[in-house]
Amino acid sequence: MKIKPTNTEIAEIDMTPMIDIVFQLITFFMVINNFDQNEADERVALPRDQLARTPEVVRKDAFVLNFGFDRDNKGQLLSETPYLFFGDERLSIDQVRPRLQQESQFYTAIGTSLEDVTVEIRADASVQSGMIQELIQMCQEDGIQFQRFALKATQQSVP
């Protein structure tokens, strides 16, 4: 009996479903990720402290004020004047009052008591403490009236 040679081909695996699953996993982890860092701003170099720690409970009603300096790509200061950053918007401490009033009006409009709102201040380590105190006093003025504050710092590793 004569056997005919057959063409033997190497079976190839279709990778399309595997790629789809990988992209779905990436999307899933991006969605469930903690978005606390979303409010972080690279223009703010937080101070380091041994006692700094993340809050045990996520604050429900809070907004973040990033208080730092204009920096170049290498992190060098471009200006000695600190600014408050709201996304692409940059305000000096003298210009921030209307923005704070807007935040106060927003929380009042949605029915949230201003006593329950936490103002999280992410201040650069080089910002003078007097300017931070001035910002807190401004937040407590009539027409704004925030009462709860939290200052952010990075945890310093103990040698």
N, C-alpha and C. Protein backbone atom coordinates (compact mmCIF):
# COMPACT_ATOMS: atom_id res chain seq x y z
N MET A 1 0.83 -1.16 0.00
CA MET A 1 0.00 0.00 0.00
C MET A 1 0.89 1.24 0.00
N LYS A 2 0.55 2.15 -0.83
CA LYS A 2 1.35 3.35 -0.99
C LYS A 2 0.71 4.50 -0.20
N ILE A 3 1.52 5.16 0.65
CA ILE A 3 1.02 6.27 1.47
C ILE A 3 1.38 7.58 0.78
N LYS A 4 0.36 8.41 0.66
CA LYS A 4 0.58 9.70 0.01
C LYS A 4 1.06 10.72 1.05
N PRO A 5 2.11 11.43 0.74
CA PRO A 5 2.54 12.47 1.70
C PRO A 5 1.51 13.60 1.75
N THR A 6 1.25 14.05 2.97
CA THR A 6 0.31 15.17 3.14
C THR A 6 1.09 16.41 3.55
N ASN A 7 0.53 17.54 3.20
CA ASN A 7 1.15 18.80 3.62
C ASN A 7 0.85 19.03 5.11
N THR A 8 1.89 19.10 5.87
CA THR A 8 1.69 19.35 7.30
C THR A 8 1.92 20.83 7.57
N GLU A 9 0.92 21.45 8.12
CA GLU A 9 1.02 22.87 8.46
C GLU A 9 1.01 23.03 9.97
N ILE A 10 1.73 24.00 10.41
CA ILE A 10 1.75 24.29 11.84
C ILE A 10 0.49 25.08 12.18
N ALA A 11 -0.21 24.61 13.18
CA ALA A 11 -1.46 25.29 13.58
C ALA A 11 -1.10 26.61 14.26
N GLU A 12 -1.81 27.67 13.89
CA GLU A 12 -1.57 28.97 14.48
C GLU A 12 -2.74 29.32 15.39
N ILE A 13 -2.41 29.96 16.49
CA ILE A 13 -3.43 30.35 17.46
C ILE A 13 -3.90 31.76 17.12
N ASP A 14 -5.21 31.95 17.13
CA ASP A 14 -5.78 33.27 16.88
C ASP A 14 -5.67 34.09 18.17
N MET A 15 -4.87 35.15 18.14
CA MET A 15 -4.60 35.96 19.34
C MET A 15 -5.62 37.08 19.56
N THR A 16 -6.55 37.25 18.66
CA THR A 16 -7.52 38.35 18.76
C THR A 16 -8.32 38.29 20.07
N PRO A 17 -8.87 37.14 20.47
CA PRO A 17 -9.59 37.12 21.75
C PRO A 17 -8.70 37.44 22.95
N MET A 18 -7.45 37.01 22.90
CA MET A 18 -6.52 37.29 24.01
C MET A 18 -6.25 38.79 24.12
N ILE A 19 -6.08 39.46 23.00
CA ILE A 19 -5.85 40.91 23.00
C ILE A 19 -7.08 41.63 23.54
N ASP A 20 -8.28 41.17 23.14
CA ASP A 20 -9.51 41.76 23.64
C ASP A 20 -9.61 41.65 25.16
N ILE A 21 -9.27 40.49 25.68
CA ILE A 21 -9.34 40.28 27.13
C ILE A 21 -8.34 41.18 27.85
N VAL A 22 -7.15 41.32 27.32
CA VAL A 22 -6.14 42.18 27.95
C VAL A 22 -6.62 43.62 27.99
N PHE A 23 -7.20 44.12 26.90
CA PHE A 23 -7.70 45.50 26.90
C PHE A 23 -8.88 45.67 27.86
N GLN A 24 -9.71 44.65 27.98
CA GLN A 24 -10.81 44.73 28.94
C GLN A 24 -10.29 44.77 30.36
N LEU A 25 -9.26 43.99 30.66
CA LEU A 25 -8.67 44.02 32.00
C LEU A 25 -8.04 45.38 32.30
N ILE A 26 -7.34 45.94 31.33
CA ILE A 26 -6.74 47.26 31.52
C ILE A 26 -7.82 48.29 31.81
N THR A 27 -8.89 48.24 31.03
CA THR A 27 -10.01 49.18 31.24
C THR A 27 -10.63 48.98 32.62
N PHE A 28 -10.83 47.73 33.01
CA PHE A 28 -11.42 47.43 34.32
C PHE A 28 -10.58 48.01 35.44
N PHE A 29 -9.27 47.81 35.42
CA PHE A 29 -8.41 48.30 36.49
C PHE A 29 -8.30 49.82 36.48
N MET A 30 -8.42 50.43 35.32
CA MET A 30 -8.42 51.89 35.27
C MET A 30 -9.68 52.45 35.91
N VAL A 31 -10.80 51.78 35.71
CA VAL A 31 -12.07 52.26 36.25
C VAL A 31 -12.14 52.09 37.76
N ILE A 32 -11.66 50.96 38.28
CA ILE A 32 -11.77 50.73 39.72
C ILE A 32 -10.61 51.32 40.52
N ASN A 33 -9.65 51.90 39.83
CA ASN A 33 -8.49 52.48 40.49
C ASN A 33 -8.92 53.61 41.42
N ASN A 34 -8.16 53.83 42.46
CA ASN A 34 -8.43 54.92 43.39
C ASN A 34 -8.07 56.23 42.69
N PHE A 35 -9.06 57.10 42.51
CA PHE A 35 -8.85 58.33 41.77
C PHE A 35 -8.38 59.47 42.66
N ASP A 36 -7.90 59.16 43.87
CA ASP A 36 -7.39 60.19 44.75
C ASP A 36 -6.21 60.91 44.10
N GLN A 37 -5.39 60.18 43.35
CA GLN A 37 -4.25 60.80 42.69
C GLN A 37 -4.66 61.68 41.53
N ASN A 38 -5.93 61.57 41.10
CA ASN A 38 -6.43 62.42 40.04
C ASN A 38 -6.34 63.89 40.43
N GLU A 39 -6.47 64.15 41.72
CA GLU A 39 -6.44 65.52 42.20
C GLU A 39 -5.02 65.97 42.53
N ALA A 40 -4.07 65.08 42.37
CA ALA A 40 -2.68 65.44 42.62
C ALA A 40 -2.18 66.32 41.48
N ASP A 41 -1.25 67.17 41.80
CA ASP A 41 -0.71 68.09 40.81
C ASP A 41 0.81 68.05 40.92
N GLU A 42 1.48 67.81 39.80
CA GLU A 42 2.94 67.69 39.82
C GLU A 42 3.64 69.00 40.17
N ARG A 43 2.90 70.10 40.14
CA ARG A 43 3.50 71.39 40.50
C ARG A 43 3.59 71.57 42.01
N VAL A 44 3.05 70.61 42.75
CA VAL A 44 3.06 70.68 44.21
C VAL A 44 3.93 69.55 44.75
N ALA A 45 5.05 69.91 45.39
CA ALA A 45 5.93 68.94 46.04
C ALA A 45 5.57 68.92 47.51
N LEU A 46 4.82 67.89 47.92
CA LEU A 46 4.32 67.84 49.29
C LEU A 46 5.46 67.72 50.30
N PRO A 47 5.26 68.30 51.50
CA PRO A 47 6.26 68.13 52.56
C PRO A 47 6.27 66.69 53.04
N ARG A 48 7.38 66.26 53.60
CA ARG A 48 7.51 64.90 54.14
C ARG A 48 7.39 64.97 55.65
N ASP A 49 6.66 63.99 56.20
CA ASP A 49 6.45 63.95 57.63
C ASP A 49 6.33 62.49 58.06
N GLN A 50 6.89 62.15 59.22
CA GLN A 50 6.82 60.79 59.71
C GLN A 50 5.41 60.42 60.15
N LEU A 51 4.63 61.40 60.54
CA LEU A 51 3.28 61.14 61.03
C LEU A 51 2.22 61.15 59.94
N ALA A 52 2.61 61.50 58.72
CA ALA A 52 1.64 61.57 57.62
C ALA A 52 1.15 60.17 57.28
N ARG A 53 -0.15 60.06 57.08
CA ARG A 53 -0.73 58.79 56.65
C ARG A 53 -2.02 59.08 55.89
N THR A 54 -2.42 58.13 55.09
CA THR A 54 -3.65 58.31 54.33
C THR A 54 -4.84 58.18 55.26
N PRO A 55 -5.93 58.89 54.97
CA PRO A 55 -7.11 58.80 55.83
C PRO A 55 -7.69 57.39 55.82
N GLU A 56 -8.19 56.96 56.97
CA GLU A 56 -8.76 55.62 57.06
C GLU A 56 -10.10 55.53 56.34
N VAL A 57 -10.82 56.63 56.30
CA VAL A 57 -12.13 56.68 55.66
C VAL A 57 -12.06 57.69 54.52
N VAL A 58 -12.62 57.33 53.38
CA VAL A 58 -12.65 58.25 52.25
C VAL A 58 -13.64 59.36 52.57
N ARG A 59 -13.20 60.59 52.40
CA ARG A 59 -14.07 61.72 52.68
C ARG A 59 -15.11 61.85 51.58
N LYS A 60 -16.37 61.95 51.99
CA LYS A 60 -17.45 62.01 51.02
C LYS A 60 -17.51 63.38 50.34
N ASP A 61 -17.58 64.42 51.12
CA ASP A 61 -17.70 65.77 50.59
C ASP A 61 -16.40 66.51 50.82
N ALA A 62 -15.55 66.52 49.81
CA ALA A 62 -14.25 67.18 49.94
C ALA A 62 -13.84 67.72 48.58
N PHE A 63 -13.10 68.81 48.62
CA PHE A 63 -12.48 69.30 47.40
C PHE A 63 -11.04 69.69 47.71
N VAL A 64 -10.21 69.62 46.70
CA VAL A 64 -8.77 69.77 46.88
C VAL A 64 -8.31 71.12 46.34
N LEU A 65 -7.47 71.78 47.13
CA LEU A 65 -6.79 73.01 46.70
C LEU A 65 -5.30 72.67 46.55
N ASN A 66 -4.78 72.73 45.34
CA ASN A 66 -3.36 72.51 45.07
C ASN A 66 -2.67 73.86 45.12
N PHE A 67 -1.73 74.01 46.04
CA PHE A 67 -1.06 75.29 46.29
C PHE A 67 0.43 75.08 46.06
N GLY A 68 0.95 75.55 44.92
CA GLY A 68 2.35 75.30 44.60
C GLY A 68 2.92 76.34 43.66
N PHE A 69 3.98 75.95 42.97
CA PHE A 69 4.75 76.86 42.13
C PHE A 69 4.76 76.39 40.68
N ASP A 70 4.94 77.34 39.76
CA ASP A 70 5.19 76.98 38.37
C ASP A 70 6.58 76.37 38.29
N ARG A 71 6.67 75.21 37.65
CA ARG A 71 7.95 74.51 37.51
C ARG A 71 8.17 74.13 36.05
N ASP A 72 9.45 73.98 35.68
CA ASP A 72 9.75 73.52 34.33
C ASP A 72 9.74 71.99 34.31
N ASN A 73 10.13 71.39 33.19
CA ASN A 73 10.11 69.94 33.04
C ASN A 73 11.03 69.22 34.01
N LYS A 74 12.07 69.91 34.46
CA LYS A 74 13.03 69.31 35.38
C LYS A 74 12.66 69.55 36.85
N GLY A 75 11.57 70.26 37.09
CA GLY A 75 11.13 70.51 38.46
C GLY A 75 11.69 71.78 39.06
N GLN A 76 12.40 72.58 38.27
CA GLN A 76 12.97 73.83 38.77
C GLN A 76 11.90 74.91 38.81
N LEU A 77 11.96 75.75 39.85
CA LEU A 77 10.99 76.84 39.99
C LEU A 77 11.14 77.85 38.86
N LEU A 78 10.01 78.24 38.27
CA LEU A 78 10.00 79.29 37.26
C LEU A 78 9.66 80.64 37.88
N SER A 79 8.97 80.60 39.02
CA SER A 79 8.54 81.81 39.69
C SER A 79 8.54 81.58 41.20
N GLU A 80 8.85 82.62 41.95
CA GLU A 80 8.85 82.52 43.41
C GLU A 80 7.45 82.69 43.99
N THR A 81 6.50 83.06 43.15
CA THR A 81 5.13 83.30 43.61
C THR A 81 4.35 81.99 43.59
N PRO A 82 3.76 81.59 44.72
CA PRO A 82 2.94 80.37 44.73
C PRO A 82 1.55 80.66 44.15
N TYR A 83 0.98 79.65 43.52
CA TYR A 83 -0.33 79.77 42.90
C TYR A 83 -1.22 78.62 43.37
N LEU A 84 -2.53 78.84 43.26
CA LEU A 84 -3.50 77.78 43.46
C LEU A 84 -3.87 77.26 42.09
N PHE A 85 -3.80 75.94 41.91
CA PHE A 85 -4.05 75.33 40.61
C PHE A 85 -5.38 74.59 40.62
N PHE A 86 -6.22 74.90 39.64
CA PHE A 86 -7.49 74.21 39.41
C PHE A 86 -7.44 73.70 37.98
N GLY A 87 -6.87 72.54 37.77
CA GLY A 87 -6.69 72.04 36.41
C GLY A 87 -5.70 72.93 35.68
N ASP A 88 -6.12 73.53 34.57
CA ASP A 88 -5.26 74.43 33.80
C ASP A 88 -5.31 75.86 34.33
N GLU A 89 -6.24 76.12 35.22
CA GLU A 89 -6.40 77.46 35.76
C GLU A 89 -5.38 77.70 36.88
N ARG A 90 -4.76 78.87 36.87
CA ARG A 90 -3.74 79.23 37.86
C ARG A 90 -4.12 80.57 38.48
N LEU A 91 -4.32 80.56 39.81
CA LEU A 91 -4.75 81.77 40.50
C LEU A 91 -3.79 82.12 41.63
N SER A 92 -3.53 83.41 41.80
CA SER A 92 -2.75 83.82 42.96
C SER A 92 -3.68 83.82 44.16
N ILE A 93 -3.14 83.93 45.35
CA ILE A 93 -3.97 83.88 46.55
C ILE A 93 -4.96 85.04 46.59
N ASP A 94 -4.62 86.17 45.97
CA ASP A 94 -5.53 87.32 45.92
C ASP A 94 -6.71 87.08 44.97
N GLN A 95 -6.57 86.16 44.02
CA GLN A 95 -7.60 85.92 43.01
C GLN A 95 -8.50 84.74 43.34
N VAL A 96 -8.24 84.01 44.41
CA VAL A 96 -8.93 82.75 44.66
C VAL A 96 -10.29 82.91 45.36
N ARG A 97 -10.55 84.05 45.96
CA ARG A 97 -11.79 84.25 46.72
C ARG A 97 -13.06 83.93 45.90
N PRO A 98 -13.21 84.45 44.65
CA PRO A 98 -14.41 84.11 43.86
C PRO A 98 -14.55 82.60 43.60
N ARG A 99 -13.43 81.93 43.41
CA ARG A 99 -13.47 80.48 43.16
C ARG A 99 -13.95 79.74 44.42
N LEU A 100 -13.50 80.18 45.60
CA LEU A 100 -13.95 79.57 46.85
C LEU A 100 -15.44 79.83 47.07
N GLN A 101 -15.90 81.02 46.69
CA GLN A 101 -17.33 81.32 46.81
C GLN A 101 -18.15 80.42 45.89
N GLN A 102 -17.63 80.13 44.69
CA GLN A 102 -18.30 79.21 43.77
C GLN A 102 -18.43 77.82 44.39
N GLU A 103 -17.35 77.34 44.99
CA GLU A 103 -17.38 76.02 45.63
C GLU A 103 -18.40 75.99 46.76
N SER A 104 -18.43 77.04 47.56
CA SER A 104 -19.37 77.14 48.66
C SER A 104 -20.81 77.14 48.14
N GLN A 105 -21.08 77.90 47.10
CA GLN A 105 -22.41 77.96 46.51
C GLN A 105 -22.82 76.61 45.91
N PHE A 106 -21.86 75.91 45.32
CA PHE A 106 -22.14 74.60 44.75
C PHE A 106 -22.61 73.64 45.83
N TYR A 107 -21.87 73.54 46.94
CA TYR A 107 -22.25 72.61 48.00
C TYR A 107 -23.58 73.01 48.65
N THR A 108 -23.83 74.30 48.75
CA THR A 108 -25.11 74.77 49.29
C THR A 108 -26.24 74.40 48.33
N ALA A 109 -26.01 74.53 47.03
CA ALA A 109 -27.04 74.23 46.02
C ALA A 109 -27.40 72.75 45.99
N ILE A 110 -26.45 71.88 46.24
CA ILE A 110 -26.76 70.45 46.20
C ILE A 110 -27.25 69.95 47.56
N GLY A 111 -27.38 70.86 48.52
CA GLY A 111 -27.95 70.50 49.82
C GLY A 111 -26.97 69.92 50.81
N THR A 112 -25.70 70.13 50.61
CA THR A 112 -24.68 69.64 51.54
C THR A 112 -24.34 70.75 52.52
N SER A 113 -24.37 70.41 53.80
CA SER A 113 -24.00 71.38 54.82
C SER A 113 -22.52 71.71 54.70
N LEU A 114 -22.18 72.98 54.77
CA LEU A 114 -20.77 73.39 54.65
C LEU A 114 -19.93 72.87 55.82
N GLU A 115 -20.58 72.51 56.93
CA GLU A 115 -19.86 71.92 58.07
C GLU A 115 -19.34 70.53 57.73
N ASP A 116 -19.96 69.86 56.75
CA ASP A 116 -19.57 68.51 56.37
C ASP A 116 -18.54 68.46 55.24
N VAL A 117 -18.25 69.60 54.65
CA VAL A 117 -17.32 69.67 53.53
C VAL A 117 -15.90 69.83 54.06
N THR A 118 -14.99 69.00 53.58
CA THR A 118 -13.58 69.10 53.96
C THR A 118 -12.79 69.74 52.84
N VAL A 119 -12.05 70.77 53.17
CA VAL A 119 -11.16 71.43 52.22
C VAL A 119 -9.78 70.78 52.40
N GLU A 120 -9.34 70.02 51.40
CA GLU A 120 -8.03 69.37 51.46
C GLU A 120 -7.01 70.28 50.79
N ILE A 121 -6.04 70.72 51.56
CA ILE A 121 -5.03 71.64 51.04
C ILE A 121 -3.75 70.84 50.78
N ARG A 122 -3.36 70.77 49.52
CA ARG A 122 -2.09 70.15 49.11
C ARG A 122 -1.13 71.28 48.84
N ALA A 123 -0.37 71.67 49.85
CA ALA A 123 0.55 72.80 49.71
C ALA A 123 1.96 72.30 49.50
N ASP A 124 2.67 72.95 48.60
CA ASP A 124 4.08 72.66 48.35
C ASP A 124 4.86 72.89 49.64
N ALA A 125 5.91 72.12 49.84
CA ALA A 125 6.73 72.25 51.04
C ALA A 125 7.36 73.63 51.16
N SER A 126 7.54 74.33 50.04
CA SER A 126 8.19 75.65 50.06
C SER A 126 7.22 76.81 50.25
N VAL A 127 5.92 76.54 50.26
CA VAL A 127 4.94 77.61 50.47
C VAL A 127 5.01 78.02 51.94
N GLN A 128 5.06 79.32 52.18
CA GLN A 128 5.15 79.83 53.55
C GLN A 128 3.88 79.48 54.31
N SER A 129 4.05 79.10 55.57
CA SER A 129 2.90 78.70 56.38
C SER A 129 1.92 79.85 56.56
N GLY A 130 2.40 81.09 56.55
CA GLY A 130 1.52 82.24 56.67
C GLY A 130 0.54 82.33 55.52
N MET A 131 0.97 81.92 54.33
CA MET A 131 0.08 81.95 53.16
C MET A 131 -0.99 80.87 53.29
N ILE A 132 -0.63 79.74 53.86
CA ILE A 132 -1.60 78.66 54.08
C ILE A 132 -2.64 79.12 55.11
N GLN A 133 -2.18 79.79 56.16
CA GLN A 133 -3.10 80.33 57.16
C GLN A 133 -4.03 81.37 56.55
N GLU A 134 -3.50 82.18 55.67
CA GLU A 134 -4.31 83.19 54.97
C GLU A 134 -5.38 82.51 54.11
N LEU A 135 -5.02 81.41 53.45
CA LEU A 135 -5.97 80.67 52.64
C LEU A 135 -7.07 80.07 53.52
N ILE A 136 -6.70 79.52 54.66
CA ILE A 136 -7.69 78.94 55.57
C ILE A 136 -8.63 80.02 56.09
N GLN A 137 -8.08 81.19 56.46
CA GLN A 137 -8.93 82.30 56.92
C GLN A 137 -9.89 82.74 55.83
N MET A 138 -9.42 82.76 54.60
CA MET A 138 -10.27 83.15 53.48
C MET A 138 -11.42 82.15 53.32
N CYS A 139 -11.13 80.87 53.53
CA CYS A 139 -12.17 79.83 53.41
C CYS A 139 -13.23 79.96 54.51
N GLN A 140 -12.87 80.60 55.62
CA GLN A 140 -13.79 80.74 56.75
C GLN A 140 -14.59 82.04 56.72
N GLU A 141 -14.32 82.92 55.76
CA GLU A 141 -14.99 84.21 55.69
C GLU A 141 -16.48 84.07 55.39
N ASP A 142 -17.23 85.17 55.66
CA ASP A 142 -18.64 85.21 55.29
C ASP A 142 -18.78 85.05 53.78
N GLY A 143 -19.76 84.30 53.38
CA GLY A 143 -19.98 84.07 51.95
C GLY A 143 -19.28 82.81 51.47
N ILE A 144 -18.37 82.28 52.28
CA ILE A 144 -17.68 81.02 51.92
C ILE A 144 -17.97 80.00 53.03
N GLN A 145 -17.49 80.24 54.21
CA GLN A 145 -17.82 79.54 55.46
C GLN A 145 -17.51 78.05 55.50
N PHE A 146 -16.37 77.63 54.96
CA PHE A 146 -15.93 76.25 55.17
C PHE A 146 -15.32 76.16 56.56
N GLN A 147 -15.49 75.00 57.22
CA GLN A 147 -15.03 74.88 58.59
C GLN A 147 -14.08 73.71 58.82
N ARG A 148 -14.04 72.77 57.90
CA ARG A 148 -13.23 71.57 58.11
C ARG A 148 -12.09 71.56 57.09
N PHE A 149 -10.86 71.33 57.59
CA PHE A 149 -9.68 71.39 56.72
C PHE A 149 -8.78 70.17 56.96
N ALA A 150 -8.06 69.79 55.93
CA ALA A 150 -7.07 68.72 56.01
C ALA A 150 -5.87 69.14 55.19
N LEU A 151 -4.67 68.98 55.75
CA LEU A 151 -3.44 69.29 55.03
C LEU A 151 -2.80 67.99 54.60
N LYS A 152 -2.32 67.93 53.37
CA LYS A 152 -1.72 66.72 52.83
C LYS A 152 -0.20 66.80 52.96
N ALA A 153 0.40 65.64 53.24
CA ALA A 153 1.86 65.51 53.28
C ALA A 153 2.20 64.09 52.81
N THR A 154 3.46 63.85 52.48
CA THR A 154 3.92 62.54 52.08
C THR A 154 4.59 61.91 53.29
N GLN A 155 4.38 60.59 53.44
CA GLN A 155 4.98 59.92 54.59
C GLN A 155 6.48 59.78 54.39
N GLN A 156 7.23 60.18 55.40
CA GLN A 156 8.68 60.09 55.36
C GLN A 156 9.09 58.74 55.91
N SER A 157 9.95 58.04 55.19
CA SER A 157 10.39 56.74 55.67
C SER A 157 11.37 56.94 56.83
N VAL A 158 11.20 56.11 57.84
CA VAL A 158 12.06 56.19 59.02
C VAL A 158 13.28 55.30 58.79
N PRO A 159 14.51 55.85 58.94
CA PRO A 159 15.69 55.03 58.69
C PRO A 159 15.91 53.97 59.73
